[in-house]
Protein backbone atom coordinates (compact mmCIF):
# COMPACT_ATOMS: atom_id res chain seq x y z
CA MET A 1 -21.61 -34.66 -97.53
CA MET A 2 -24.51 -33.24 -95.54
CA PRO A 3 -27.58 -31.66 -97.16
CA ARG A 4 -27.68 -27.85 -97.18
CA ARG A 5 -30.06 -27.73 -94.21
CA THR A 6 -29.47 -29.63 -91.00
CA VAL A 7 -31.19 -29.12 -87.67
CA PHE A 8 -29.38 -30.18 -84.51
CA ARG A 9 -32.35 -30.83 -82.28
CA GLY A 10 -32.53 -30.20 -78.53
CA GLY A 11 -28.87 -30.34 -77.55
CA SER A 12 -27.08 -28.43 -74.79
CA ILE A 13 -25.15 -25.92 -76.89
CA ILE A 14 -21.97 -24.91 -75.07
CA ASP A 15 -20.41 -21.49 -75.54
CA GLU A 16 -17.80 -19.89 -73.31
CA GLY A 17 -20.56 -17.74 -71.87
CA GLY A 18 -22.99 -20.49 -70.92
CA VAL A 19 -25.11 -23.49 -71.83
CA THR A 20 -28.37 -23.22 -73.80
CA VAL A 21 -30.74 -26.08 -74.59
CA GLU A 22 -32.12 -25.26 -78.03
CA ASP A 23 -32.14 -26.20 -81.69
CA MET A 24 -29.49 -25.09 -84.14
CA LEU A 25 -29.91 -24.74 -87.91
CA VAL A 26 -26.92 -25.23 -90.21
CA GLU A 27 -27.08 -24.08 -93.81
CA ALA A 28 -24.28 -24.09 -96.38
CA GLY A 29 -21.66 -24.93 -93.78
CA THR A 30 -22.43 -22.18 -91.27
CA VAL A 31 -24.71 -21.74 -88.26
CA ALA A 32 -27.81 -20.08 -89.70
CA ALA A 33 -30.07 -19.86 -86.63
CA ARG A 34 -30.47 -20.96 -83.04
CA GLY A 35 -33.57 -21.32 -80.89
CA THR A 36 -36.85 -22.09 -82.64
CA VAL A 37 -35.90 -23.07 -86.18
CA SER A 38 -37.78 -24.48 -89.13
CA SER A 39 -36.99 -28.09 -89.96
CA THR A 40 -38.68 -28.05 -93.35
CA GLY A 41 -36.55 -29.98 -95.82
CA ALA A 42 -33.79 -30.46 -93.28
CA GLU A 43 -32.01 -33.50 -91.92
CA ILE A 44 -32.65 -33.83 -88.19
CA VAL A 45 -29.74 -34.74 -85.90
CA PRO A 46 -31.16 -35.67 -82.47
CA CYS A 47 -29.00 -34.12 -79.72
CA GLU A 48 -31.23 -34.41 -76.66
CA GLY A 49 -29.13 -35.12 -73.58
CA LEU A 50 -25.89 -34.41 -75.47
CA TRP A 51 -23.37 -31.58 -75.38
CA VAL A 52 -22.93 -29.60 -78.60
CA LEU A 53 -19.57 -27.80 -78.66
CA PRO A 54 -17.67 -25.73 -81.21
CA GLY A 55 -14.84 -27.68 -82.80
CA VAL A 56 -11.56 -27.61 -80.92
CA VAL A 57 -8.93 -25.21 -82.28
CA ASP A 58 -5.42 -26.47 -81.49
CA PRO A 59 -2.96 -23.64 -82.20
CA HIS A 60 0.15 -25.70 -81.45
CA VAL A 61 0.78 -28.97 -83.25
CA HIS A 62 3.69 -30.59 -85.05
CA LEU A 63 2.00 -33.05 -87.37
CA PHE A 64 5.14 -33.55 -89.41
CA LEU A 65 8.48 -32.79 -87.78
CA LYS A 66 12.05 -34.06 -87.94
CA ALA A 67 14.14 -34.02 -84.77
CA GLN A 68 17.22 -35.91 -83.69
CA GLY A 69 17.41 -37.28 -87.22
CA VAL A 70 13.97 -38.94 -87.16
CA ALA A 71 10.52 -37.89 -88.33
CA THR A 72 7.21 -38.07 -86.53
CA ALA A 73 5.14 -41.17 -87.21
CA ASP A 74 2.25 -39.07 -88.50
CA ASP A 75 2.38 -36.83 -91.54
CA VAL A 76 -0.08 -34.08 -92.45
CA ALA A 77 -2.68 -36.47 -93.83
CA SER A 78 -2.72 -39.00 -90.99
CA GLY A 79 -2.13 -36.42 -88.25
CA SER A 80 -4.99 -34.21 -89.38
CA ARG A 81 -7.31 -37.23 -89.61
CA SER A 82 -6.41 -38.20 -86.06
CA ALA A 83 -7.19 -34.62 -85.01
CA LEU A 84 -10.65 -34.77 -86.59
CA VAL A 85 -11.75 -37.97 -84.85
CA GLY A 86 -10.84 -36.31 -81.56
CA GLY A 87 -12.99 -33.26 -82.27
CA VAL A 88 -10.12 -30.98 -83.32
CA THR A 89 -11.38 -29.29 -86.48
CA THR A 90 -8.67 -26.62 -86.81
CA VAL A 91 -4.93 -26.79 -86.14
CA ALA A 92 -1.92 -24.52 -86.55
CA ASP A 93 1.47 -26.00 -87.43
CA PHE A 94 4.93 -24.49 -87.87
CA ALA A 95 6.97 -23.70 -90.95
CA GLU A 96 10.73 -23.37 -90.94
CA VAL A 97 12.06 -20.41 -92.90
CA ARG A 98 14.24 -21.62 -95.75
CA GLY A 99 14.79 -18.92 -98.33
CA SER A 100 12.35 -16.03 -98.18
CA LEU A 101 9.32 -15.88 -95.89
CA SER A 102 6.93 -16.06 -98.86
CA GLU A 103 8.73 -19.09 -100.29
CA SER A 104 8.52 -20.81 -96.90
CA LEU A 105 4.78 -20.09 -96.67
CA ALA A 106 4.20 -21.45 -100.16
CA ARG A 107 6.21 -24.60 -99.46
CA HIS A 108 4.27 -25.24 -96.26
CA GLY A 109 0.98 -24.68 -98.07
CA GLU A 110 1.83 -27.35 -100.64
CA THR A 111 2.52 -29.86 -97.86
CA TRP A 112 -0.77 -29.03 -96.16
CA ARG A 113 -2.93 -29.62 -99.22
CA ALA A 114 -3.35 -33.16 -97.85
CA ALA A 115 -4.95 -31.91 -94.61
CA ALA A 116 -8.29 -33.31 -93.47
CA CYS A 117 -8.98 -30.44 -91.04
CA ASP A 118 -8.72 -26.67 -91.46
CA TRP A 119 -5.30 -25.25 -90.77
CA ALA A 120 -3.04 -22.24 -90.25
CA VAL A 121 0.71 -21.75 -90.09
CA HIS A 122 3.16 -20.03 -87.75
CA LEU A 123 6.49 -19.02 -89.30
CA MET A 124 9.58 -19.84 -87.23
CA ILE A 125 11.80 -16.74 -87.20
CA THR A 126 15.46 -17.59 -86.57
CA ARG A 127 17.09 -14.42 -87.88
CA LEU A 128 16.09 -10.81 -88.56
CA ASP A 129 18.35 -9.32 -91.20
CA GLY A 130 17.14 -6.40 -93.28
CA ALA A 131 15.47 -8.56 -95.94
CA VAL A 132 13.58 -10.70 -93.41
CA GLU A 133 12.50 -7.63 -91.42
CA GLU A 134 11.12 -5.90 -94.50
CA GLU A 135 9.34 -9.01 -95.79
CA LEU A 136 7.83 -9.61 -92.34
CA ARG A 137 6.51 -6.04 -92.37
CA VAL A 138 5.06 -6.29 -95.88
CA LEU A 139 3.51 -9.75 -95.50
CA SER A 140 2.01 -9.01 -92.09
CA LEU A 141 0.44 -5.77 -93.35
CA ALA A 142 -1.01 -7.79 -96.25
CA GLY A 143 -2.49 -10.30 -93.79
CA GLN A 144 -0.34 -13.19 -95.04
CA ILE A 145 1.57 -13.54 -91.74
CA ARG A 146 -0.42 -13.40 -88.51
CA SER A 147 1.88 -15.34 -86.16
CA VAL A 148 5.55 -16.15 -85.81
CA LYS A 149 7.42 -18.50 -83.49
CA VAL A 150 10.62 -17.61 -81.66
CA PHE A 151 12.92 -19.57 -79.37
CA THR A 152 15.12 -18.43 -76.51
CA THR A 153 16.84 -21.83 -76.58
CA TYR A 154 17.95 -24.59 -79.02
CA ARG A 155 21.12 -22.74 -80.06
CA SER A 156 22.62 -26.03 -81.33
CA ARG A 157 19.64 -26.52 -83.65
CA GLY A 158 19.88 -23.04 -85.11
CA LEU A 159 16.61 -21.84 -83.59
CA TYR A 160 17.93 -19.59 -80.80
CA LEU A 161 17.38 -15.82 -80.94
CA ASP A 162 19.77 -13.60 -79.01
CA ASP A 163 18.20 -10.89 -76.84
CA GLU A 164 18.78 -8.08 -79.33
CA THR A 165 17.09 -9.95 -82.17
CA LEU A 166 14.30 -11.12 -79.88
CA PHE A 167 13.60 -7.56 -78.75
CA ARG A 168 13.51 -6.35 -82.36
CA VAL A 169 11.03 -9.07 -83.36
CA ILE A 170 8.82 -8.16 -80.39
CA GLU A 171 9.03 -4.49 -81.41
CA ALA A 172 7.89 -5.45 -84.91
CA SER A 173 4.71 -7.00 -83.48
CA ALA A 174 3.66 -3.76 -81.76
CA GLY A 175 1.54 -2.72 -84.72
CA GLY A 176 -0.83 -5.57 -83.96
CA GLU A 177 -0.67 -7.28 -87.35
CA PHE A 178 0.82 -10.47 -85.91
CA VAL A 179 1.44 -12.21 -82.60
CA ILE A 180 4.63 -13.88 -81.42
CA LEU A 181 4.58 -17.40 -79.99
CA ALA A 182 7.57 -17.82 -77.70
CA HIS A 183 9.28 -20.99 -76.48
CA ALA A 184 10.94 -19.54 -73.40
CA GLU A 185 13.79 -21.37 -71.64
CA ASN A 186 17.19 -20.01 -70.65
CA ASP A 187 19.55 -21.54 -73.19
CA ALA A 188 22.73 -21.11 -71.14
CA MET A 189 21.25 -22.88 -68.11
CA VAL A 190 19.93 -25.74 -70.22
CA ARG A 191 23.26 -26.25 -72.00
CA VAL A 192 25.37 -26.20 -68.82
CA LEU A 193 23.01 -28.48 -66.92
CA SER A 194 22.68 -30.85 -69.88
CA ASP A 195 26.44 -31.37 -69.95
CA ALA A 196 26.51 -31.97 -66.18
CA THR A 197 23.63 -34.43 -66.12
CA ARG A 198 25.04 -36.31 -69.09
CA ARG A 199 28.28 -36.85 -67.19
CA ARG A 200 26.36 -38.09 -64.14
CA GLY A 201 24.34 -40.56 -66.21
CA GLU A 202 20.88 -39.87 -64.78
CA GLY A 203 18.96 -41.57 -67.56
CA ALA A 204 15.70 -40.02 -68.73
CA LEU A 205 15.37 -38.03 -65.49
CA ALA A 206 18.17 -35.89 -66.92
CA VAL A 207 15.51 -34.34 -69.17
CA ALA A 208 13.93 -32.75 -66.10
CA ARG A 209 17.22 -32.02 -64.34
CA SER A 210 18.62 -30.15 -67.36
CA HIS A 211 15.49 -28.05 -67.93
CA PRO A 212 14.66 -26.78 -64.41
CA VAL A 213 11.71 -24.51 -63.64
CA GLU A 214 14.13 -21.62 -63.12
CA ALA A 215 15.24 -21.85 -66.76
CA GLU A 216 11.65 -21.45 -67.91
CA GLU A 217 10.64 -18.82 -65.38
CA GLU A 218 13.66 -16.59 -66.10
CA ALA A 219 13.11 -16.68 -69.86
CA VAL A 220 9.38 -16.07 -69.50
CA TYR A 221 10.07 -13.02 -67.34
CA ARG A 222 12.64 -11.71 -69.83
CA VAL A 223 10.35 -12.14 -72.84
CA LEU A 224 7.54 -10.37 -70.98
CA ALA A 225 9.84 -7.52 -69.92
CA PHE A 226 10.73 -6.97 -73.58
CA THR A 227 7.03 -7.12 -74.47
CA ARG A 228 6.01 -4.56 -71.86
CA HIS A 229 8.65 -2.11 -73.00
CA ALA A 230 8.13 -2.59 -76.74
CA GLY A 231 4.33 -2.78 -76.64
CA GLY A 232 4.46 -6.04 -78.57
CA ARG A 233 2.11 -9.02 -78.67
CA ILE A 234 3.29 -12.25 -77.09
CA HIS A 235 1.84 -15.71 -76.46
CA LEU A 236 3.92 -17.94 -74.18
CA VAL A 237 3.58 -21.54 -75.33
CA HIS A 238 3.63 -24.78 -73.31
CA LEU A 239 4.05 -23.22 -69.86
CA SER A 240 4.76 -25.88 -67.28
CA CYS A 241 5.27 -24.25 -63.87
CA GLY A 242 3.73 -21.90 -61.35
CA GLY A 243 6.29 -19.10 -61.63
CA SER A 244 5.58 -18.68 -65.33
CA ILE A 245 1.87 -18.27 -64.61
CA ARG A 246 2.59 -15.48 -62.11
CA HIS A 247 4.81 -13.67 -64.61
CA VAL A 248 2.07 -13.74 -67.28
CA ALA A 249 -0.56 -12.55 -64.79
CA ASP A 250 1.68 -9.68 -63.66
CA ALA A 251 2.37 -8.64 -67.25
CA ARG A 252 -1.33 -8.61 -68.15
CA ALA A 253 -2.12 -6.62 -65.00
CA SER A 254 0.40 -4.01 -66.14
CA GLY A 255 -1.36 -3.70 -69.49
CA ALA A 256 0.86 -5.92 -71.64
CA TRP A 257 -0.63 -7.82 -74.58
CA ALA A 258 0.33 -11.26 -73.29
CA SER A 259 -1.27 -14.67 -72.96
CA GLY A 260 -0.24 -18.07 -71.71
CA GLU A 261 -0.76 -21.64 -72.85
CA THR A 262 -0.32 -24.99 -71.21
CA CYS A 263 -0.79 -28.55 -72.45
CA PRO A 264 -2.77 -31.56 -71.18
CA HIS A 265 0.42 -33.47 -70.42
CA TYR A 266 1.58 -30.80 -67.95
CA LEU A 267 -1.80 -31.00 -66.23
CA VAL A 268 -2.03 -34.80 -66.06
CA LEU A 269 1.48 -36.29 -66.13
CA THR A 270 4.38 -35.67 -63.72
CA GLU A 271 8.17 -35.87 -63.85
CA GLU A 272 8.23 -39.08 -61.81
CA MET A 273 7.19 -40.86 -65.00
CA LEU A 274 10.61 -40.11 -66.48
CA GLY A 275 12.17 -42.35 -63.85
CA VAL A 276 10.13 -45.48 -64.55
CA ASP A 277 10.86 -48.18 -67.09
CA GLY A 278 10.13 -46.65 -70.47
CA GLY A 279 10.10 -43.18 -68.97
CA HIS A 280 12.22 -41.79 -71.79
CA ARG A 281 9.10 -41.90 -73.97
CA TYR A 282 7.73 -38.97 -71.98
CA ALA A 283 10.66 -36.70 -72.83
CA THR A 284 9.59 -33.28 -74.05
CA ALA A 285 10.69 -29.69 -73.54
CA PRO A 286 9.93 -28.11 -71.21
CA PRO A 287 9.82 -31.39 -69.29
CA LEU A 288 7.08 -32.78 -67.11
CA ARG A 289 7.05 -31.17 -63.66
CA SER A 290 6.01 -32.13 -60.13
CA ALA A 291 2.44 -32.66 -59.00
CA LEU A 292 2.65 -29.28 -57.23
CA HIS A 293 3.16 -27.51 -60.54
CA ALA A 294 0.43 -29.57 -62.20
CA ASP A 295 -2.00 -28.48 -59.50
CA ALA A 296 -0.98 -24.84 -59.98
CA LEU A 297 -1.67 -25.17 -63.70
CA TRP A 298 -5.14 -26.62 -63.07
CA GLN A 299 -5.92 -23.71 -60.77
CA ALA A 300 -4.68 -21.27 -63.41
CA VAL A 301 -6.80 -22.62 -66.27
CA ALA A 302 -9.88 -22.59 -64.03
CA ALA A 303 -9.21 -19.04 -62.80
CA GLY A 304 -8.42 -17.63 -66.25
CA ASP A 305 -4.74 -17.02 -65.49
CA LEU A 306 -3.86 -19.31 -68.40
CA HIS A 307 -5.78 -18.72 -71.57
CA VAL A 308 -5.19 -21.61 -73.98
CA VAL A 309 -4.84 -25.37 -73.69
CA ALA A 310 -2.99 -26.71 -76.73
CA THR A 311 -1.25 -30.03 -77.24
CA ASP A 312 2.20 -29.33 -78.73
CA SER A 313 1.42 -32.72 -80.25
CA CYS A 314 4.53 -34.34 -81.67
CA GLY A 315 4.04 -38.07 -82.20
CA PHE A 316 7.29 -39.96 -82.58
CA SER A 317 6.97 -43.75 -82.79
CA LEU A 318 8.13 -46.01 -79.98
CA SER A 319 10.95 -47.31 -82.16
CA SER A 320 12.21 -43.76 -82.60
CA LYS A 321 11.91 -43.04 -78.88
CA ASP A 322 13.50 -46.32 -77.85
CA ALA A 323 16.66 -45.78 -79.93
CA TRP A 324 18.12 -43.40 -77.32
CA ALA A 325 20.60 -46.00 -75.98
CA GLY A 326 20.65 -44.37 -72.54
CA ASP A 327 21.67 -40.92 -73.80
CA PHE A 328 18.85 -38.49 -73.03
CA SER A 329 20.14 -36.00 -75.63
CA ARG A 330 19.28 -38.52 -78.35
CA ILE A 331 15.59 -38.83 -77.41
CA PRO A 332 13.36 -37.07 -79.95
CA GLY A 333 11.39 -34.70 -77.75
CA GLY A 334 7.62 -34.60 -77.88
CA ILE A 335 4.57 -36.74 -77.26
CA PRO A 336 1.38 -37.40 -79.25
CA GLY A 337 -1.79 -35.75 -77.99
CA VAL A 338 -4.01 -34.02 -80.53
CA GLU A 339 -6.36 -36.97 -81.01
CA VAL A 340 -7.19 -37.37 -77.32
CA SER A 341 -6.87 -33.82 -75.97
CA LEU A 342 -10.60 -33.15 -75.83
CA ARG A 343 -11.24 -36.54 -74.21
CA VAL A 344 -8.53 -35.94 -71.59
CA MET A 345 -9.62 -32.40 -70.75
CA THR A 346 -13.30 -33.39 -70.62
CA GLY A 347 -12.72 -36.56 -68.61
CA LEU A 348 -10.06 -35.39 -66.17
CA GLY A 349 -10.87 -31.68 -66.22
CA VAL A 350 -14.64 -31.29 -66.53
CA HIS A 351 -15.76 -34.65 -65.12
CA GLY A 352 -12.91 -34.48 -62.62
CA GLY A 353 -14.27 -31.21 -61.22
CA ARG A 354 -11.21 -29.16 -62.16
CA ILE A 355 -12.86 -26.90 -64.77
CA GLY A 356 -16.35 -26.25 -66.09
CA ILE A 357 -17.55 -27.17 -69.55
CA THR A 358 -17.68 -23.48 -70.52
CA ASP A 359 -14.06 -23.14 -69.36
CA LEU A 360 -13.15 -25.97 -71.71
CA VAL A 361 -14.72 -24.14 -74.67
CA ARG A 362 -12.91 -20.93 -73.73
CA LEU A 363 -9.55 -22.69 -73.38
CA MET A 364 -9.72 -25.06 -76.35
CA SER A 365 -11.94 -23.30 -78.89
CA ALA A 366 -12.69 -19.60 -78.38
CA ASN A 367 -9.34 -18.28 -77.13
CA PRO A 368 -7.23 -20.26 -79.61
CA ALA A 369 -9.46 -18.89 -82.39
CA ARG A 370 -8.91 -15.35 -81.06
CA LEU A 371 -5.16 -15.92 -81.02
CA LEU A 372 -5.23 -17.09 -84.64
CA GLY A 373 -7.39 -14.16 -85.71
CA VAL A 374 -10.36 -16.30 -86.79
CA TYR A 375 -12.90 -15.74 -83.99
CA PRO A 376 -15.91 -16.01 -84.20
CA GLN A 377 -15.67 -17.86 -87.52
CA LYS A 378 -13.99 -20.60 -85.50
CA GLY A 379 -14.28 -21.34 -81.80
CA SER A 380 -17.95 -20.37 -81.59
CA LEU A 381 -21.40 -21.67 -82.48
CA GLY A 382 -22.92 -18.20 -82.87
CA VAL A 383 -25.00 -17.37 -85.90
CA GLY A 384 -22.66 -16.91 -88.85
CA SER A 385 -19.87 -19.10 -87.43
CA ASP A 386 -18.52 -22.08 -89.32
CA ALA A 387 -20.52 -25.18 -88.42
CA ASP A 388 -17.54 -26.96 -86.84
CA ILE A 389 -19.49 -29.02 -84.33
CA VAL A 390 -18.53 -31.65 -81.76
CA ILE A 391 -21.28 -33.71 -80.14
CA LEU A 392 -20.30 -35.32 -76.84
CA ASP A 393 -22.16 -37.70 -74.57
CA PRO A 394 -21.69 -36.17 -71.10
CA GLN A 395 -22.10 -39.63 -69.58
CA GLY A 396 -19.60 -41.33 -71.88
CA ARG A 397 -16.46 -42.79 -70.31
CA MET A 398 -13.80 -44.91 -71.99
CA PRO A 399 -10.13 -45.69 -71.36
CA ILE A 400 -7.53 -44.63 -73.88
CA HIS A 401 -5.91 -47.50 -75.77
CA ALA A 402 -3.41 -46.65 -78.50
CA GLN A 403 -4.48 -49.53 -80.74
CA ARG A 404 -7.90 -47.89 -81.09
CA LEU A 405 -6.52 -44.52 -82.18
CA VAL A 406 -6.11 -43.24 -85.72
CA SER A 407 -2.65 -41.75 -85.08
CA LYS A 408 0.27 -43.76 -86.46
CA ALA A 409 2.39 -43.06 -83.38
CA GLY A 410 1.31 -46.41 -81.94
CA TRP A 411 1.27 -45.30 -78.31
CA SER A 412 -0.30 -42.75 -76.00
CA PRO A 413 1.11 -41.14 -72.84
CA TYR A 414 -2.40 -41.53 -71.39
CA GLU A 415 -2.67 -45.27 -72.05
CA GLY A 416 -5.32 -46.92 -69.86
CA ARG A 417 -6.58 -43.69 -68.28
CA MET A 418 -10.35 -43.46 -67.96
CA VAL A 419 -11.41 -40.31 -69.77
CA ALA A 420 -14.38 -39.15 -71.85
CA SER A 421 -15.56 -41.26 -74.75
CA PRO A 422 -14.70 -40.19 -78.30
CA PRO A 423 -17.10 -37.62 -79.74
CA GLU A 424 -20.39 -39.06 -80.92
CA ARG A 425 -20.09 -36.97 -84.07
CA VAL A 426 -17.74 -34.35 -85.50
CA TYR A 427 -18.70 -31.91 -88.26
CA LEU A 428 -16.37 -29.70 -90.27
CA ARG A 429 -18.15 -26.78 -91.88
CA GLY A 430 -21.40 -28.70 -91.67
CA SER A 431 -20.12 -31.99 -93.10
CA LEU A 432 -19.99 -35.11 -90.95
CA VAL A 433 -16.34 -36.18 -90.81
CA ALA A 434 -16.07 -38.50 -87.78
CA GLU A 435 -18.29 -40.68 -85.66
CA ARG A 436 -17.37 -42.44 -82.39
CA GLY A 437 -13.65 -42.50 -83.08
CA ARG A 438 -13.72 -43.35 -86.77
CA LEU A 439 -13.58 -41.24 -89.90
CA VAL A 440 -16.53 -40.99 -92.24
CA GLY A 441 -17.03 -39.19 -95.54
CA ASP A 442 -14.39 -37.19 -97.40
CA ASP A 443 -11.11 -36.99 -95.46
CA SER A 444 -9.30 -34.37 -97.54
CA VAL A 445 -11.53 -31.34 -97.12
CA GLY A 446 -9.27 -29.18 -94.95
CA LEU A 447 -8.83 -25.54 -95.96
CA PRO A 448 -6.28 -22.87 -95.03
CA LEU A 449 -7.66 -20.18 -92.74
CA VAL A 450 -8.09 -16.61 -93.88
CA ARG A 451 -6.89 -14.85 -90.76
CA GLY A 452 -7.44 -11.39 -89.34
CA ARG A 453 -5.38 -9.58 -86.73
CA PRO A 454 -4.86 -11.64 -83.57
CA ALA A 455 -7.35 -10.79 -80.82
CA TYR A 456 -6.57 -10.71 -77.12
CA PRO A 457 -7.37 -14.06 -75.45
CA LEU A 458 -9.81 -13.64 -72.56
């Protein structure tokens, strides 16, 4: 553990609004002062020539998930440790509703007691009978539910919401107590095209063929139309194509409370990878798209037309991925990413000239914290914020190699890519927790977030 007073000396402190070279004083786990600070009795952390960023807030991870009959390689303990070494100090995972909403929250909380990083939960709403509707109202007014997840697809997995139920859930969010995270794809299109591509035997490319951009764009438009009419609050997750971006921009221009998220893999990887040997490992939903769509996404995150970069990290092992036996419907969907997201976005985004370093903080720290209702406690290094601190060497470059990662997945979709080096140091609430890709200190200090009303991502 760190002493009560620590001075981070002479670093370039990065906020979404700019870069300031100054000292920063941390006391009792929070940022106590910036600028000219007293170092009496304090530990000095030299930061000259280094970037000092707020910890990454990843609002979309699956650190323990079962799909297609198999579980992710990481659990809460190992997945949250892998997040920390990558500079991700706060994550939000998803809880299935089994029984009442309060019982589901309590069950999820017990699982997450093993977390190394701070955490929040989104409840996955799959029905809205009278009891669920009333409990959602009561718990959201009490501040115990600040976000729910809905699906316009996955009927066979029991996650699909019909339009009437979806509209009612969106209506329920109009009071502003919680935000809805929506996985938007047209279920009918996906089911029909999945059957057709299976008959044609297109291998892993069938993942892309059965989830076309039109399926995403139509569902995104429909969800936003409901949101505009109901006055609800919606966050579109893992957007992968240009049409979806335009729909979100149009909705915001009309005054809707709406925001959009994409993931590093949609920015960096393309659907051609599904056609190569081992391409089934890149199966996820929505699928990887063409380079044209990837370029449109880069332009959108730089211009502010997308508001959050999250990972949707879901790390199945290679043995689980490789058991598909040529049937794309048997591939567990999802790829690991939380441990390397900051490195990828810094290396290929900032160093690659696609976005600025302040954009990165807005996309990966400040806006996710707003969405979760914890800004500026998280996502900022302002006075009074939690001292979740990531120190990066702006000159550091290193390829990604899975054998050097903490994650138990055993592989990375970015294997061999030259990106930023691991953070020099990572602090969680003022305590040093990781250094140059390895954990240090206590690794079970994660706490659940106390969340306010979701704020509009900028």
